[in-house]
Amino acid sequence: MLLVTTWFGSFLLDEGKVVRERLFPKEPGALSDRMARVEDWKLLDEERELMASVDEVFVAEPRLERAGGRLMTARAPFLDAAAYGFERALLHAAMVDLGKRKMRKAIRPEDHLRQAIGSLDDLLKQENLLLERLREWYGLHFPELARFVDDRTYLELIATHGRRDRMPIDYTDSVGADLGAAEEEQVRDMARIAQALAERRGKLEAYLERSVRGLAPNVSDLTGPVIAARLVTLAGGLDELARAPAGTIQVLGAERALFRHIRSGTAPPKHGVLFQHPLVHRAPPWQRGSISRAFAGKIAIAARADAFTKRRISDGLAADLRRTVEEIARRKQTKPERRKRGRDPSRREGRRPRRRG
């Protein structure tokens, strides 16, 4: 007996003739569900029932061979769906439903992480632009305030008090002009909007930290949640980051500089997103390349642990990284001297280029 499964049913054939059949329900959802199970190499209930009804069964699919069938190399005979009352429109509807299921399944946590990172960058940009505009506008009235307090206190003072004569700061030597009632209302509203943006950004950062620590705890412990989220997003996902070599991780975020190096021969980038980490950007410029290289190697190991083994190894990696950075700082304490390129004495002065053609 030969077991054959089509999109509309499973059949047992003897010398090309159907002996037993188990037709699928004539519903797009039921058909797409069975198609999905077949794609996942799972055995259908109809196939299991037909295989249990005979002592020996031949199959034309490796999927069914794993279930106990004997694989044959000959092609299975064609079975006409119309002969069993199944129309092509039903197959089309089932395929559309299967495509929708695959699209829903394709959305991963990394996709939400990518949108969160983009939203964080947008909020930060808008917050900086609004703060810069507020400094210029309110600076017409009280320019000295920006030098005395940080950004958060600056917004709070303007939103709460408005005019400089209500501020808990001495304003007698201010060179700013008076502020009208209408202008005061506008700058205070702008300060409140900037405060709301800062609060919204803080909540988004908290969500981002929870998400990335659940997805990649080792990478998050090693780099911090924001840099970890950027690395996962730039790589295309946690699995892609885990499969990437350390050299690729080192320059993630510096794609433009890398392509410019390949195209025009400029100096290659030493780091990308990793420059945002204090270990890199606080180091002297001549040490950053070595530190980024060592950092990327540890991140690669951490990403593989997060993606495959699920073991927490961040403490050991962080300790190894600290020792490596200390060793780099010890070996490269002073800035290396660059060798100056001299003119080749063998070249003739004033030599004209050879004419071609």
Protein backbone atom coordinates (compact mmCIF):
# COMPACT_ATOMS: atom_id res chain seq x y z
CA MET A 1 0.00 0.00 0.00
CA LEU A 2 1.13 3.53 -0.81
CA LEU A 3 0.19 6.44 1.44
CA VAL A 4 -0.28 9.77 -0.37
CA THR A 5 -1.28 13.08 1.20
CA THR A 6 -2.57 15.98 -0.89
CA TRP A 7 -4.00 19.36 0.08
CA PHE A 8 -7.50 17.90 0.25
CA GLY A 9 -6.96 14.51 1.92
CA SER A 10 -4.87 11.41 2.67
CA PHE A 11 -5.19 8.25 0.55
CA LEU A 12 -4.07 4.63 0.53
CA LEU A 13 -3.39 3.37 -2.99
CA ASP A 14 -2.88 -0.15 -4.32
CA GLU A 15 -1.38 -0.26 -7.82
CA GLY A 16 -2.51 3.30 -8.51
CA LYS A 17 -6.11 2.85 -7.30
CA VAL A 18 -7.51 4.45 -4.17
CA VAL A 19 -8.36 1.84 -1.55
CA ARG A 20 -9.05 4.04 1.47
CA GLU A 21 -9.40 7.80 1.80
CA ARG A 22 -9.66 10.36 4.57
CA LEU A 23 -10.81 13.68 3.12
CA PHE A 24 -10.12 16.93 4.93
CA PRO A 25 -12.92 19.33 5.97
CA LYS A 26 -13.95 21.78 3.26
CA GLU A 27 -12.98 24.81 5.32
CA PRO A 28 -10.02 27.12 4.59
CA GLY A 29 -8.99 27.23 8.24
CA ALA A 30 -8.94 23.45 8.62
CA LEU A 31 -7.01 23.02 5.37
CA SER A 32 -4.42 25.67 6.26
CA ASP A 33 -3.97 24.08 9.68
CA ARG A 34 -3.09 20.76 8.05
CA MET A 35 -0.76 22.45 5.57
CA ALA A 36 1.06 24.11 8.43
CA ARG A 37 1.46 20.79 10.25
CA VAL A 38 2.86 19.19 7.10
CA GLU A 39 5.37 22.05 6.69
CA ASP A 40 6.48 21.47 10.29
CA TRP A 41 7.05 17.77 9.48
CA LYS A 42 4.28 16.63 11.78
CA LEU A 43 2.01 13.61 11.23
CA LEU A 44 -1.67 14.26 10.55
CA ASP A 45 -4.40 12.36 12.34
CA GLU A 46 -5.74 11.10 9.00
CA GLU A 47 -2.30 9.77 8.07
CA ARG A 48 -1.87 8.07 11.43
CA GLU A 49 -5.27 6.38 11.07
CA LEU A 50 -4.51 5.08 7.57
CA MET A 51 -1.04 3.82 8.54
CA ALA A 52 -2.49 1.94 11.51
CA SER A 53 -4.98 0.16 9.22
CA VAL A 54 -2.31 -1.77 7.23
CA ASP A 55 0.68 -3.87 8.15
CA GLU A 56 3.12 -2.26 5.72
CA VAL A 57 2.92 1.06 3.95
CA PHE A 58 5.12 2.79 1.38
CA VAL A 59 5.47 6.56 1.32
CA ALA A 60 6.84 9.18 -1.08
CA GLU A 61 7.77 11.78 1.58
CA PRO A 62 10.69 11.70 4.04
CA ARG A 63 8.30 13.20 6.58
CA LEU A 64 6.20 10.04 6.54
CA GLU A 65 9.27 7.81 6.57
CA ARG A 66 10.03 9.07 10.05
CA ALA A 67 6.59 7.85 11.12
CA GLY A 68 7.29 4.25 10.06
CA GLY A 69 6.68 4.20 6.32
CA ARG A 70 9.08 2.75 3.75
CA LEU A 71 10.35 5.45 1.41
CA MET A 72 10.03 4.80 -2.32
CA THR A 73 11.75 6.76 -5.08
CA ALA A 74 8.89 6.62 -7.60
CA ARG A 75 6.65 9.68 -7.96
CA ALA A 76 3.22 9.45 -6.38
CA PRO A 77 0.28 9.35 -8.82
CA PHE A 78 -1.81 12.47 -9.44
CA LEU A 79 -5.16 12.73 -7.68
CA ASP A 80 -7.75 15.16 -9.05
CA ALA A 81 -9.28 17.38 -6.35
CA ALA A 82 -12.38 18.07 -8.44
CA ALA A 83 -13.23 14.36 -8.46
CA TYR A 84 -13.66 14.56 -4.68
CA GLY A 85 -15.67 17.79 -4.66
CA PHE A 86 -12.84 20.22 -3.84
CA GLU A 87 -12.58 23.40 -5.90
CA ARG A 88 -9.52 25.53 -6.65
CA ALA A 89 -11.10 28.52 -4.93
CA LEU A 90 -10.99 26.56 -1.66
CA LEU A 91 -7.26 25.94 -2.14
CA HIS A 92 -6.72 29.64 -2.79
CA ALA A 93 -8.57 30.60 0.41
CA ALA A 94 -6.57 28.04 2.40
CA MET A 95 -3.26 29.36 1.03
CA VAL A 96 -4.26 32.95 1.91
CA ASP A 97 -5.09 31.85 5.46
CA LEU A 98 -1.76 29.99 5.70
CA GLY A 99 0.10 33.10 4.53
CA LYS A 100 -1.59 35.19 7.22
CA ARG A 101 -0.57 32.67 9.85
CA LYS A 102 3.04 32.79 8.70
CA MET A 103 3.05 36.59 8.79
CA ARG A 104 1.74 36.58 12.36
CA LYS A 105 4.32 33.99 13.34
CA ALA A 106 7.12 36.00 11.70
CA ILE A 107 6.70 38.88 14.18
CA ARG A 108 9.34 38.35 16.85
CA PRO A 109 10.21 40.19 20.09
CA GLU A 110 13.11 41.76 18.19
CA ASP A 111 10.62 43.60 15.98
CA HIS A 112 9.04 45.30 18.99
CA LEU A 113 12.54 46.05 20.27
CA ARG A 114 13.41 47.71 16.96
CA GLN A 115 10.35 49.94 17.14
CA ALA A 116 11.11 50.84 20.77
CA ILE A 117 14.68 51.87 19.87
CA GLY A 118 13.40 54.00 16.99
CA SER A 119 10.81 55.62 19.24
CA LEU A 120 13.45 56.33 21.88
CA ASP A 121 15.66 58.05 19.31
CA ASP A 122 12.71 60.11 18.04
CA LEU A 123 11.74 61.20 21.54
CA LEU A 124 15.32 62.12 22.41
CA LYS A 125 15.67 64.15 19.22
CA GLN A 126 12.42 66.02 19.80
CA GLU A 127 13.29 66.62 23.45
CA ASN A 128 16.68 68.08 22.53
CA LEU A 129 15.19 70.29 19.84
CA LEU A 130 12.50 71.58 22.19
CA LEU A 131 15.01 72.23 24.98
CA GLU A 132 17.30 74.09 22.60
CA ARG A 133 14.42 76.26 21.39
CA LEU A 134 13.32 76.92 24.96
CA ARG A 135 16.83 78.00 25.95
CA GLU A 136 16.89 80.52 23.13
CA TRP A 137 13.39 81.85 23.83
CA TYR A 138 13.60 82.01 27.62
CA GLY A 139 17.18 83.23 27.29
CA LEU A 140 15.78 86.51 26.00
CA HIS A 141 14.34 87.02 29.49
CA PHE A 142 16.75 85.21 31.85
CA PRO A 143 19.85 83.93 29.97
CA GLU A 144 21.85 83.30 33.15
CA LEU A 145 19.54 80.54 34.41
CA ALA A 146 20.90 77.89 32.03
CA ARG A 147 24.38 78.17 33.60
CA PHE A 148 23.17 77.57 37.14
CA VAL A 149 21.05 74.41 36.85
CA ASP A 150 20.84 71.18 34.85
CA ASP A 151 18.29 70.51 32.12
CA ARG A 152 15.71 68.84 34.34
CA THR A 153 15.78 71.63 36.93
CA TYR A 154 15.76 74.22 34.16
CA LEU A 155 12.47 72.88 32.79
CA GLU A 156 10.96 72.53 36.25
CA LEU A 157 11.79 76.11 37.24
CA ILE A 158 10.34 77.57 34.05
CA ALA A 159 7.18 75.44 34.19
CA THR A 160 6.60 76.24 37.87
CA HIS A 161 7.65 79.88 38.23
CA GLY A 162 7.80 81.43 34.77
CA ARG A 163 9.23 84.93 35.28
CA ARG A 164 12.69 85.43 36.72
CA ASP A 165 11.40 87.56 39.62
CA ARG A 166 9.56 84.48 40.94
CA MET A 167 12.62 82.24 40.70
CA PRO A 168 14.45 81.06 43.86
CA ILE A 169 17.62 82.37 42.19
CA ASP A 170 19.10 85.85 42.27
CA TYR A 171 18.26 87.69 39.07
CA THR A 172 19.31 91.24 39.86
CA ASP A 173 22.30 91.18 37.50
CA SER A 174 20.39 89.59 34.63
CA VAL A 175 20.77 91.26 31.23
CA GLY A 176 17.54 89.79 29.88
CA ALA A 177 14.50 91.80 28.82
CA ASP A 178 11.11 91.76 30.50
CA LEU A 179 8.67 88.95 29.71
CA GLY A 180 5.07 89.66 28.82
CA ALA A 181 2.12 87.65 30.12
CA ALA A 182 1.41 86.05 26.74
CA GLU A 183 5.06 85.10 26.21
CA GLU A 184 5.29 83.73 29.76
CA GLU A 185 2.34 81.43 29.10
CA GLN A 186 3.93 80.10 25.92
CA VAL A 187 7.35 79.33 27.39
CA ARG A 188 5.79 77.65 30.42
CA ASP A 189 3.67 75.47 28.13
CA MET A 190 6.77 74.55 26.15
CA ALA A 191 8.56 73.62 29.36
CA ARG A 192 5.65 71.37 30.36
CA ILE A 193 5.71 69.68 26.96
CA ALA A 194 9.46 69.05 27.32
CA GLN A 195 8.85 67.61 30.79
CA ALA A 196 6.17 65.29 29.39
CA LEU A 197 8.57 64.12 26.68
CA ALA A 198 11.25 63.42 29.27
CA GLU A 199 8.77 61.44 31.38
CA ARG A 200 7.60 59.47 28.34
CA ARG A 201 11.22 58.74 27.40
CA GLY A 202 11.92 57.45 30.91
CA LYS A 203 8.98 55.03 30.71
CA LEU A 204 10.11 53.86 27.28
CA GLU A 205 13.63 53.26 28.56
CA ALA A 206 12.21 51.19 31.45
CA TYR A 207 10.17 49.10 28.99
CA LEU A 208 13.23 48.71 26.77
CA GLU A 209 15.34 47.52 29.69
CA ARG A 210 12.75 44.93 30.76
CA SER A 211 12.36 43.65 27.21
CA VAL A 212 16.03 43.30 26.34
CA ARG A 213 16.94 41.78 29.72
CA GLY A 214 14.32 39.11 29.12
CA LEU A 215 15.56 38.49 25.58
CA ALA A 216 19.35 38.79 26.01
CA PRO A 217 20.29 38.96 29.72
CA ASN A 218 24.00 38.25 29.25
CA VAL A 219 24.46 40.89 26.54
CA SER A 220 22.45 43.38 28.63
CA ASP A 221 24.58 42.81 31.71
CA LEU A 222 27.75 43.21 29.66
CA THR A 223 26.86 46.32 27.62
CA GLY A 224 23.83 47.89 29.29
CA PRO A 225 20.23 47.56 28.08
CA VAL A 226 20.22 50.37 25.50
CA ILE A 227 23.41 49.27 23.73
CA ALA A 228 22.25 45.64 23.89
CA ALA A 229 18.96 46.59 22.26
CA ARG A 230 20.79 48.49 19.51
CA LEU A 231 23.12 45.55 18.84
CA VAL A 232 20.23 43.08 18.60
CA THR A 233 18.31 45.45 16.33
CA LEU A 234 21.24 46.20 14.03
CA ALA A 235 22.12 42.51 13.72
CA GLY A 236 18.52 41.64 12.77
CA GLY A 237 17.71 39.58 15.88
CA LEU A 238 19.28 37.68 18.74
CA ASP A 239 19.99 34.57 16.64
CA GLU A 240 21.66 36.70 13.98
CA LEU A 241 23.77 38.45 16.61
CA ALA A 242 24.77 35.09 18.07
CA ARG A 243 25.91 33.84 14.65
CA ALA A 244 27.82 37.01 13.80
CA PRO A 245 31.63 37.02 14.22
CA ALA A 246 33.23 39.41 16.67
CA GLY A 247 34.58 41.57 13.85
CA THR A 248 31.07 42.20 12.58
CA ILE A 249 29.75 43.01 16.06
CA GLN A 250 32.61 45.48 16.54
CA VAL A 251 31.48 47.69 13.62
CA LEU A 252 27.70 47.37 13.98
CA GLY A 253 26.35 50.89 13.63
CA ALA A 254 29.32 52.06 11.54
CA GLU A 255 28.12 50.70 8.22
CA ARG A 256 28.57 53.99 6.37
CA ALA A 257 32.18 54.31 7.45
CA LEU A 258 32.80 50.66 6.57
CA PHE A 259 31.35 51.03 3.07
CA ARG A 260 33.30 54.26 2.59
CA HIS A 261 36.47 52.37 3.55
CA ILE A 262 35.68 49.61 1.06
CA ARG A 263 34.77 52.04 -1.71
CA SER A 264 37.41 54.74 -1.38
CA GLY A 265 40.12 53.23 0.81
CA THR A 266 39.69 55.50 3.82
CA ALA A 267 40.64 54.33 7.31
CA PRO A 268 38.40 51.46 8.49
CA PRO A 269 36.10 52.10 11.48
CA LYS A 270 37.31 50.87 14.85
CA HIS A 271 33.88 50.76 16.50
CA GLY A 272 30.21 51.43 15.91
CA VAL A 273 27.55 51.38 18.62
CA LEU A 274 30.17 50.17 21.11
CA PHE A 275 31.59 53.70 21.20
CA GLN A 276 28.62 54.66 23.40
CA HIS A 277 29.92 52.43 26.20
CA PRO A 278 32.15 54.15 28.80
CA LEU A 279 34.87 51.53 28.39
CA VAL A 280 35.37 52.71 24.82
CA HIS A 281 34.57 56.42 24.68
CA ARG A 282 36.45 57.22 27.92
CA ALA A 283 39.58 55.45 26.73
CA PRO A 284 42.33 57.30 24.84
CA PRO A 285 41.79 57.23 21.06
CA TRP A 286 44.77 54.94 20.41
CA GLN A 287 43.32 52.30 22.78
CA ARG A 288 39.74 52.27 21.51
CA GLY A 289 40.31 49.88 18.64
CA SER A 290 41.84 47.18 20.85
CA ILE A 291 39.20 47.65 23.54
CA SER A 292 36.36 47.48 21.00
CA ARG A 293 37.82 44.29 19.55
CA ALA A 294 38.04 42.62 22.95
CA PHE A 295 34.58 43.93 23.89
CA ALA A 296 33.03 42.53 20.69
CA GLY A 297 34.54 39.11 21.39
CA LYS A 298 32.89 38.95 24.82
CA ILE A 299 29.58 40.15 23.36
CA ALA A 300 29.70 37.36 20.78
CA ILE A 301 30.09 34.75 23.54
CA ALA A 302 27.31 36.35 25.60
CA ALA A 303 24.93 36.42 22.62
CA ARG A 304 25.51 32.73 21.91
CA ALA A 305 24.77 31.88 25.51
CA ASP A 306 21.53 33.91 25.37
CA ALA A 307 20.41 32.38 22.09
CA PHE A 308 21.38 28.73 22.55
CA THR A 309 22.34 27.63 26.05
CA LYS A 310 20.36 30.16 28.18
CA ARG A 311 23.16 30.13 30.79
CA ARG A 312 24.12 33.23 32.78
CA ILE A 313 27.81 33.82 32.14
CA SER A 314 27.91 37.62 32.19
CA ASP A 315 29.81 37.92 35.48
CA GLY A 316 32.74 35.87 34.24
CA LEU A 317 32.79 37.67 30.88
CA ALA A 318 32.74 41.08 32.59
CA ALA A 319 35.65 40.11 34.84
CA ASP A 320 37.67 38.83 31.85
CA LEU A 321 36.89 42.03 29.95
CA ARG A 322 38.07 44.23 32.81
CA ARG A 323 41.37 42.35 32.95
CA THR A 324 41.79 42.66 29.20
CA VAL A 325 41.08 46.41 29.26
CA GLU A 326 43.60 46.87 32.08
CA GLU A 327 46.19 44.97 30.08
CA ILE A 328 45.51 47.11 27.00
CA ALA A 329 45.85 50.29 29.09
CA ARG A 330 49.15 49.03 30.49
CA ARG A 331 50.60 48.09 27.10
CA LYS A 332 49.44 51.25 25.34
CA GLN A 333 50.01 53.95 27.91
CA THR A 334 51.50 56.44 25.47
CA LYS A 335 50.28 57.48 22.07
CA PRO A 336 52.25 55.70 19.35
CA GLU A 337 54.20 57.89 16.96
CA ARG A 338 53.01 57.84 13.40
CA ARG A 339 55.67 57.26 10.80
CA LYS A 340 55.85 60.16 8.39
CA ARG A 341 55.81 59.30 4.75
CA GLY A 342 58.80 60.80 2.95
CA ARG A 343 59.20 61.37 -0.74
CA ASP A 344 60.78 58.53 -2.64
CA PRO A 345 64.21 59.78 -3.76
CA SER A 346 64.14 57.48 -6.76
CA ARG A 347 61.21 59.41 -8.26
CA ARG A 348 62.19 62.01 -10.83
CA GLU A 349 61.19 65.60 -10.09
CA GLY A 350 58.77 67.18 -12.50
CA ARG A 351 58.08 64.00 -14.37
CA ARG A 352 55.04 64.29 -16.59
CA PRO A 353 52.48 61.49 -16.77
CA ARG A 354 52.75 59.28 -19.80
CA ARG A 355 50.29 60.06 -22.53
CA ARG A 356 48.10 57.22 -23.62
CA GLY A 357 46.65 56.68 -27.03
